[in-house]
């Protein structure tokens, strides 16, 4: 399976970097072809420009500014998002990726005024995320990242595709044992992917 790993963290020595390395290594060991998209390392610009917004619905011209990323998404059979959660949302760079790349004609199309999913090539979706706050705090604010993965992104990929959201909550107070256990859990999930 061709797996696009979307990784978003600016610090190469962070715990998220260890999570990312675990994801990529385990997927490769499981025999998958991995397209490792490190948004910070690649210098992805998350800014949707004025011109891009004006041409947002002009299919297929709308994909020109991000054509290489669109092609990577369209070549993938599966998507793994590997990211921290900051202020109970995606980092700006990851949010910008979805704003700029998941375009009309790419992730959805308008049919009789209604949104129709377009990413049927994505047959599996997993998010591996870390939250600084506790699960309770995330629940109290509605856990937006979980909802984006399990509802919004699920709605534009292949129907009935399995979707997982694996998270380490309360990372700010996690012990070495907590982090080690999470890495082991992530490794096991990716080996079964």
C-alpha atoms as a PDB file:
ATOM      1  CA  UNK A   1       0.000   0.000   0.000  1.00  0.00           C
ATOM      2  CA  UNK A   2       1.248   3.515  -0.812  1.00  0.00           C
ATOM      3  CA  UNK A   3       0.993   5.512   2.411  1.00  0.00           C
ATOM      4  CA  UNK A   4       1.318   9.277   2.520  1.00  0.00           C
ATOM      5  CA  UNK A   5       2.585  10.310   5.951  1.00  0.00           C
ATOM      6  CA  UNK A   6       1.823  13.965   6.685  1.00  0.00           C
ATOM      7  CA  UNK A   7       4.166  15.060   9.449  1.00  0.00           C
ATOM      8  CA  UNK A   8       4.001  18.477  11.057  1.00  0.00           C
ATOM      9  CA  UNK A   9       6.426  19.571  13.787  1.00  0.00           C
ATOM     10  CA  UNK A  10       9.252  22.127  13.602  1.00  0.00           C
ATOM     11  CA  UNK A  11      11.654  20.537  16.112  1.00  0.00           C
ATOM     12  CA  UNK A  12      13.667  17.500  15.009  1.00  0.00           C
ATOM     13  CA  UNK A  13      14.464  16.504  18.625  1.00  0.00           C
ATOM     14  CA  UNK A  14      10.859  16.613  19.875  1.00  0.00           C
ATOM     15  CA  UNK A  15       8.826  13.668  21.108  1.00  0.00           C
ATOM     16  CA  UNK A  16       6.700  14.158  17.989  1.00  0.00           C
ATOM     17  CA  UNK A  17       9.827  13.534  15.909  1.00  0.00           C
ATOM     18  CA  UNK A  18      10.203  10.195  17.720  1.00  0.00           C
ATOM     19  CA  UNK A  19       6.542   9.394  17.007  1.00  0.00           C
ATOM     20  CA  UNK A  20       7.049  10.278  13.342  1.00  0.00           C
ATOM     21  CA  UNK A  21      10.179   8.111  13.082  1.00  0.00           C
ATOM     22  CA  UNK A  22       8.272   5.221  14.677  1.00  0.00           C
ATOM     23  CA  UNK A  23       5.380   5.621  12.225  1.00  0.00           C
ATOM     24  CA  UNK A  24       7.617   5.664   9.149  1.00  0.00           C
ATOM     25  CA  UNK A  25       9.880   2.838  10.312  1.00  0.00           C
ATOM     26  CA  UNK A  26       7.008   0.520  11.264  1.00  0.00           C
ATOM     27  CA  UNK A  27       5.094   1.179   8.033  1.00  0.00           C
ATOM     28  CA  UNK A  28       8.198   0.353   5.991  1.00  0.00           C
ATOM     29  CA  UNK A  29       8.855  -2.787   8.041  1.00  0.00           C
ATOM     30  CA  UNK A  30       5.251  -3.823   7.369  1.00  0.00           C
ATOM     31  CA  UNK A  31       6.023  -3.648   3.647  1.00  0.00           C
ATOM     32  CA  UNK A  32       4.284  -0.394   2.737  1.00  0.00           C
ATOM     33  CA  UNK A  33       5.640   2.165   0.292  1.00  0.00           C
ATOM     34  CA  UNK A  34       5.933   5.378   2.331  1.00  0.00           C
ATOM     35  CA  UNK A  35       5.807   8.916   0.969  1.00  0.00           C
ATOM     36  CA  UNK A  36       7.093  10.835   3.991  1.00  0.00           C
ATOM     37  CA  UNK A  37       5.875  14.423   3.706  1.00  0.00           C
ATOM     38  CA  UNK A  38       7.590  16.470   6.429  1.00  0.00           C
ATOM     39  CA  UNK A  39       5.862  19.821   5.976  1.00  0.00           C
ATOM     40  CA  UNK A  40       8.443  21.847   7.911  1.00  0.00           C
ATOM     41  CA  UNK A  41      11.465  20.185   6.305  1.00  0.00           C
ATOM     42  CA  UNK A  42       9.927  20.703   2.868  1.00  0.00           C
ATOM     43  CA  UNK A  43       9.214  24.364   3.613  1.00  0.00           C
ATOM     44  CA  UNK A  44       5.516  24.042   2.802  1.00  0.00           C
ATOM     45  CA  UNK A  45       3.773  27.416   2.838  1.00  0.00           C
ATOM     46  CA  UNK A  46       0.449  27.185   4.669  1.00  0.00           C
ATOM     47  CA  UNK A  47      -0.747  30.578   3.439  1.00  0.00           C
ATOM     48  CA  UNK A  48      -3.714  30.529   1.084  1.00  0.00           C
ATOM     49  CA  UNK A  49      -3.016  33.573  -1.066  1.00  0.00           C
ATOM     50  CA  UNK A  50      -5.567  36.071  -2.317  1.00  0.00           C
ATOM     51  CA  UNK A  51      -5.158  34.696  -5.842  1.00  0.00           C
ATOM     52  CA  UNK A  52      -5.615  31.107  -4.666  1.00  0.00           C
ATOM     53  CA  UNK A  53      -8.827  32.015  -2.842  1.00  0.00           C
ATOM     54  CA  UNK A  54     -10.206  33.868  -5.850  1.00  0.00           C
ATOM     55  CA  UNK A  55      -9.456  30.848  -8.063  1.00  0.00           C
ATOM     56  CA  UNK A  56     -10.445  28.281  -5.409  1.00  0.00           C
ATOM     57  CA  UNK A  57     -13.359  26.847  -7.426  1.00  0.00           C
ATOM     58  CA  UNK A  58     -11.618  27.008 -10.817  1.00  0.00           C
ATOM     59  CA  UNK A  59     -11.002  23.307 -11.434  1.00  0.00           C
ATOM     60  CA  UNK A  60      -8.367  22.133 -12.438  1.00  0.00           C
ATOM     61  CA  UNK A  61      -6.448  25.433 -12.493  1.00  0.00           C
ATOM     62  CA  UNK A  62      -6.865  25.761  -8.700  1.00  0.00           C
ATOM     63  CA  UNK A  63      -4.284  23.050  -8.071  1.00  0.00           C
ATOM     64  CA  UNK A  64      -1.417  24.712  -9.950  1.00  0.00           C
ATOM     65  CA  UNK A  65       0.208  26.398  -6.877  1.00  0.00           C
ATOM     66  CA  UNK A  66       0.296  23.074  -4.988  1.00  0.00           C
ATOM     67  CA  UNK A  67       0.337  20.605  -7.880  1.00  0.00           C
ATOM     68  CA  UNK A  68       3.147  18.446  -6.473  1.00  0.00           C
ATOM     69  CA  UNK A  69       1.305  18.000  -3.173  1.00  0.00           C
ATOM     70  CA  UNK A  70      -1.985  17.272  -4.936  1.00  0.00           C
ATOM     71  CA  UNK A  71      -0.258  14.535  -6.940  1.00  0.00           C
ATOM     72  CA  UNK A  72       1.150  12.987  -3.760  1.00  0.00           C
ATOM     73  CA  UNK A  73      -2.330  12.876  -2.212  1.00  0.00           C
ATOM     74  CA  UNK A  74      -3.849  11.399  -5.361  1.00  0.00           C
ATOM     75  CA  UNK A  75      -1.127   8.701  -5.610  1.00  0.00           C
ATOM     76  CA  UNK A  76      -1.691   7.547  -2.016  1.00  0.00           C
ATOM     77  CA  UNK A  77      -3.748   4.530  -1.014  1.00  0.00           C
ATOM     78  CA  UNK A  78      -3.714   5.582   2.637  1.00  0.00           C
ATOM     79  CA  UNK A  79      -3.025   8.641   4.749  1.00  0.00           C
ATOM     80  CA  UNK A  80      -1.335   8.853   8.151  1.00  0.00           C
ATOM     81  CA  UNK A  81      -1.306  12.238   9.880  1.00  0.00           C
ATOM     82  CA  UNK A  82       1.415  12.595  12.485  1.00  0.00           C
ATOM     83  CA  UNK A  83       1.145  15.848  14.398  1.00  0.00           C
ATOM     84  CA  UNK A  84       0.864  17.570  17.742  1.00  0.00           C
ATOM     85  CA  UNK A  85      -2.320  19.322  18.775  1.00  0.00           C
ATOM     86  CA  UNK A  86      -1.738  22.946  19.715  1.00  0.00           C
ATOM     87  CA  UNK A  87      -4.455  25.024  21.379  1.00  0.00           C
ATOM     88  CA  UNK A  88      -6.849  22.142  20.644  1.00  0.00           C
ATOM     89  CA  UNK A  89      -6.304  22.453  16.902  1.00  0.00           C
ATOM     90  CA  UNK A  90      -3.909  21.466  14.164  1.00  0.00           C
ATOM     91  CA  UNK A  91      -0.675  23.431  13.844  1.00  0.00           C
ATOM     92  CA  UNK A  92      -1.127  26.248  11.317  1.00  0.00           C
ATOM     93  CA  UNK A  93       1.076  24.480   8.768  1.00  0.00           C
ATOM     94  CA  UNK A  94      -1.093  21.337   8.782  1.00  0.00           C
ATOM     95  CA  UNK A  95      -4.315  23.353   8.674  1.00  0.00           C
ATOM     96  CA  UNK A  96      -2.837  25.295   5.767  1.00  0.00           C
ATOM     97  CA  UNK A  97      -2.051  22.027   3.985  1.00  0.00           C
ATOM     98  CA  UNK A  98      -5.703  21.030   4.119  1.00  0.00           C
ATOM     99  CA  UNK A  99      -6.821  24.534   3.092  1.00  0.00           C
ATOM    100  CA  UNK A 100      -4.473  24.668   0.103  1.00  0.00           C
ATOM    101  CA  UNK A 101      -4.352  21.029  -1.073  1.00  0.00           C
ATOM    102  CA  UNK A 102      -7.765  19.534  -0.259  1.00  0.00           C
ATOM    103  CA  UNK A 103      -9.371  21.624  -3.009  1.00  0.00           C
ATOM    104  CA  UNK A 104     -12.512  21.385  -5.108  1.00  0.00           C
ATOM    105  CA  UNK A 105     -11.744  18.798  -7.755  1.00  0.00           C
ATOM    106  CA  UNK A 106      -9.195  17.140  -5.453  1.00  0.00           C
ATOM    107  CA  UNK A 107     -10.875  16.121  -2.184  1.00  0.00           C
ATOM    108  CA  UNK A 108     -14.444  17.042  -3.115  1.00  0.00           C
ATOM    109  CA  UNK A 109     -16.577  18.331  -5.938  1.00  0.00           C
ATOM    110  CA  UNK A 110     -19.800  20.270  -6.025  1.00  0.00           C
ATOM    111  CA  UNK A 111     -22.695  18.285  -7.507  1.00  0.00           C
ATOM    112  CA  UNK A 112     -26.054  20.052  -7.684  1.00  0.00           C
ATOM    113  CA  UNK A 113     -24.964  22.389  -4.902  1.00  0.00           C
ATOM    114  CA  UNK A 114     -23.880  19.547  -2.628  1.00  0.00           C
ATOM    115  CA  UNK A 115     -20.406  18.360  -1.671  1.00  0.00           C
ATOM    116  CA  UNK A 116     -19.452  14.957  -3.065  1.00  0.00           C
ATOM    117  CA  UNK A 117     -16.308  13.139  -1.854  1.00  0.00           C
ATOM    118  CA  UNK A 118     -13.507  12.743  -4.342  1.00  0.00           C
ATOM    119  CA  UNK A 119     -10.613  10.976  -2.547  1.00  0.00           C
ATOM    120  CA  UNK A 120     -11.797   7.398  -3.097  1.00  0.00           C
ATOM    121  CA  UNK A 121      -8.133   6.435  -3.553  1.00  0.00           C
ATOM    122  CA  UNK A 122      -7.620   6.871   0.215  1.00  0.00           C
ATOM    123  CA  UNK A 123      -8.745   3.515   1.618  1.00  0.00           C
ATOM    124  CA  UNK A 124      -7.382   3.978   5.134  1.00  0.00           C
ATOM    125  CA  UNK A 125      -6.867   6.993   7.383  1.00  0.00           C
ATOM    126  CA  UNK A 126      -5.052   7.211  10.699  1.00  0.00           C
ATOM    127  CA  UNK A 127      -4.053  10.192  12.795  1.00  0.00           C
ATOM    128  CA  UNK A 128      -1.337   9.849  15.431  1.00  0.00           C
ATOM    129  CA  UNK A 129      -1.437  12.922  17.615  1.00  0.00           C
ATOM    130  CA  UNK A 130      -0.145  14.285  20.895  1.00  0.00           C
ATOM    131  CA  UNK A 131      -2.068  16.705  23.080  1.00  0.00           C
ATOM    132  CA  UNK A 132      -0.466  18.824  25.783  1.00  0.00           C
ATOM    133  CA  UNK A 133      -3.769  18.865  27.674  1.00  0.00           C
ATOM    134  CA  UNK A 134      -5.735  16.033  29.221  1.00  0.00           C
ATOM    135  CA  UNK A 135      -8.435  14.008  27.486  1.00  0.00           C
ATOM    136  CA  UNK A 136     -11.016  15.697  29.723  1.00  0.00           C
ATOM    137  CA  UNK A 137      -9.897  19.175  28.637  1.00  0.00           C
ATOM    138  CA  UNK A 138     -10.027  18.054  25.008  1.00  0.00           C
ATOM    139  CA  UNK A 139     -13.538  16.678  25.512  1.00  0.00           C
ATOM    140  CA  UNK A 140     -14.692  19.884  27.186  1.00  0.00           C
ATOM    141  CA  UNK A 141     -13.779  21.871  24.078  1.00  0.00           C
ATOM    142  CA  UNK A 142     -15.151  19.208  21.720  1.00  0.00           C
ATOM    143  CA  UNK A 143     -11.775  17.741  20.658  1.00  0.00           C
ATOM    144  CA  UNK A 144     -11.764  19.482  17.256  1.00  0.00           C
ATOM    145  CA  UNK A 145      -8.760  17.571  15.807  1.00  0.00           C
ATOM    146  CA  UNK A 146     -10.432  14.228  16.506  1.00  0.00           C
ATOM    147  CA  UNK A 147     -13.627  15.464  14.846  1.00  0.00           C
ATOM    148  CA  UNK A 148     -11.776  16.738  11.779  1.00  0.00           C
ATOM    149  CA  UNK A 149     -10.157  13.315  11.340  1.00  0.00           C
ATOM    150  CA  UNK A 150     -13.159  11.117  12.171  1.00  0.00           C
ATOM    151  CA  UNK A 151     -15.839  13.252  10.512  1.00  0.00           C
ATOM    152  CA  UNK A 152     -14.522  15.835   8.049  1.00  0.00           C
ATOM    153  CA  UNK A 153     -11.667  13.862   6.475  1.00  0.00           C
ATOM    154  CA  UNK A 154     -13.641  10.617   6.691  1.00  0.00           C
ATOM    155  CA  UNK A 155     -16.339  12.272   4.568  1.00  0.00           C
ATOM    156  CA  UNK A 156     -14.005  12.870   1.590  1.00  0.00           C
ATOM    157  CA  UNK A 157     -12.176   9.509   1.413  1.00  0.00           C
ATOM    158  CA  UNK A 158     -13.375   6.092   0.250  1.00  0.00           C
ATOM    159  CA  UNK A 159     -16.720   5.115   1.752  1.00  0.00           C
ATOM    160  CA  UNK A 160     -16.388   2.725   4.693  1.00  0.00           C
ATOM    161  CA  UNK A 161     -12.615   3.254   4.859  1.00  0.00           C
ATOM    162  CA  UNK A 162     -11.284   2.482   8.339  1.00  0.00           C
ATOM    163  CA  UNK A 163     -10.404   5.614  10.298  1.00  0.00           C
ATOM    164  CA  UNK A 164      -8.349   5.715  13.502  1.00  0.00           C
ATOM    165  CA  UNK A 165      -7.385   8.527  15.821  1.00  0.00           C
ATOM    166  CA  UNK A 166      -4.586   7.477  18.154  1.00  0.00           C
ATOM    167  CA  UNK A 167      -3.606  10.054  20.732  1.00  0.00           C
ATOM    168  CA  UNK A 168      -1.376  10.613  23.693  1.00  0.00           C
ATOM    169  CA  UNK A 169      -3.202  13.107  25.859  1.00  0.00           C
ATOM    170  CA  UNK A 170      -1.591  15.100  28.668  1.00  0.00           C
ATOM    171  CA  UNK A 171       1.872  14.976  27.094  1.00  0.00           C
ATOM    172  CA  UNK A 172       2.901  17.930  29.258  1.00  0.00           C
ATOM    173  CA  UNK A 173       2.786  15.643  32.298  1.00  0.00           C
ATOM    174  CA  UNK A 174       3.658  12.340  30.637  1.00  0.00           C
ATOM    175  CA  UNK A 175       6.406  10.252  32.182  1.00  0.00           C
ATOM    176  CA  UNK A 176       9.140   8.448  30.281  1.00  0.00           C
ATOM    177  CA  UNK A 177       7.107   5.276  30.781  1.00  0.00           C
ATOM    178  CA  UNK A 178       3.997   6.945  29.275  1.00  0.00           C
ATOM    179  CA  UNK A 179       5.946   8.090  26.218  1.00  0.00           C
ATOM    180  CA  UNK A 180       7.616   4.706  25.781  1.00  0.00           C
ATOM    181  CA  UNK A 181       4.232   2.931  26.019  1.00  0.00           C
ATOM    182  CA  UNK A 182       2.744   5.288  23.423  1.00  0.00           C
ATOM    183  CA  UNK A 183       5.609   4.668  21.015  1.00  0.00           C
ATOM    184  CA  UNK A 184       5.108   0.919  21.439  1.00  0.00           C
ATOM    185  CA  UNK A 185       1.367   1.314  20.769  1.00  0.00           C
ATOM    186  CA  UNK A 186       2.032   3.381  17.640  1.00  0.00           C
ATOM    187  CA  UNK A 187       4.603   0.878  16.391  1.00  0.00           C
ATOM    188  CA  UNK A 188       2.174  -2.024  16.860  1.00  0.00           C
ATOM    189  CA  UNK A 189      -0.621  -0.151  15.051  1.00  0.00           C
ATOM    190  CA  UNK A 190       1.619   0.743  12.115  1.00  0.00           C
ATOM    191  CA  UNK A 191       2.921  -2.824  11.842  1.00  0.00           C
ATOM    192  CA  UNK A 192      -0.732  -3.948  11.517  1.00  0.00           C
ATOM    193  CA  UNK A 193      -1.675  -1.079   9.177  1.00  0.00           C
END
